[in-house]
Amino acid sequence: MLFRSGDADHGIVIGAGTRKRLGSYNTPPELARPTALRTLRPLRRSPSIPRILDAAAGGGALLTAAVDALATSKDHRRDLGRFGLFGIERDPVAAVLLRWAILEHCELRPEDWRHLETNLRTGDALTGRPLFRERDAVDSHPPATGQPNDRLQWDLAFPDPHKDGGF
């Protein structure tokens, strides 16, 4: 399978056997686009940047479809990419590819990478377990130690949405 963001191929081949073994399934654009349009249509009129969380973000099909459904201008697209998209992906390689896909899709600048590192995280959203020791962009987030209570702390991983009441 080719990794895709929007209509662009990134040329990274991930075998079906590997994806199945990891429990990784991609959302086809044919499903992501209508789902995002139908779900997010009421938010198009909102004057603020909505916060959208994909707890199993993968390659970003749903997040990029959300941008397409909501963006009303190039600046709005960039603001969504910097401040409105949040995701967790358990595969560390996929998490990095997700950041690149959002960077490209939202036409962000290289200096926006820090927003992507903060908002698009590696971990398991269901168990809360961080699966990879990646250098954390949020200094207050504790590093993975492998201890039983070493969980992804949502309030520390996503401080801005948390202080405003969540997603």
Foldseek 3Di string as FASTA:
>chain_A
DFQDQDHDTPPDDDDPVNCVVVVHDDDDLVRLQVVLLVVCVVVLPPPDQAADEDAAQFQNSNVLSNLVNRDPDLVSLLCCLQPHYAYEHADPVRLVNNLVSSCVSSVHDPVSSLSSLLRRYHAHSVFQGRNDQDPHSQVVQDTQDPDPPNGNDVCRSHVPQVVVPHD
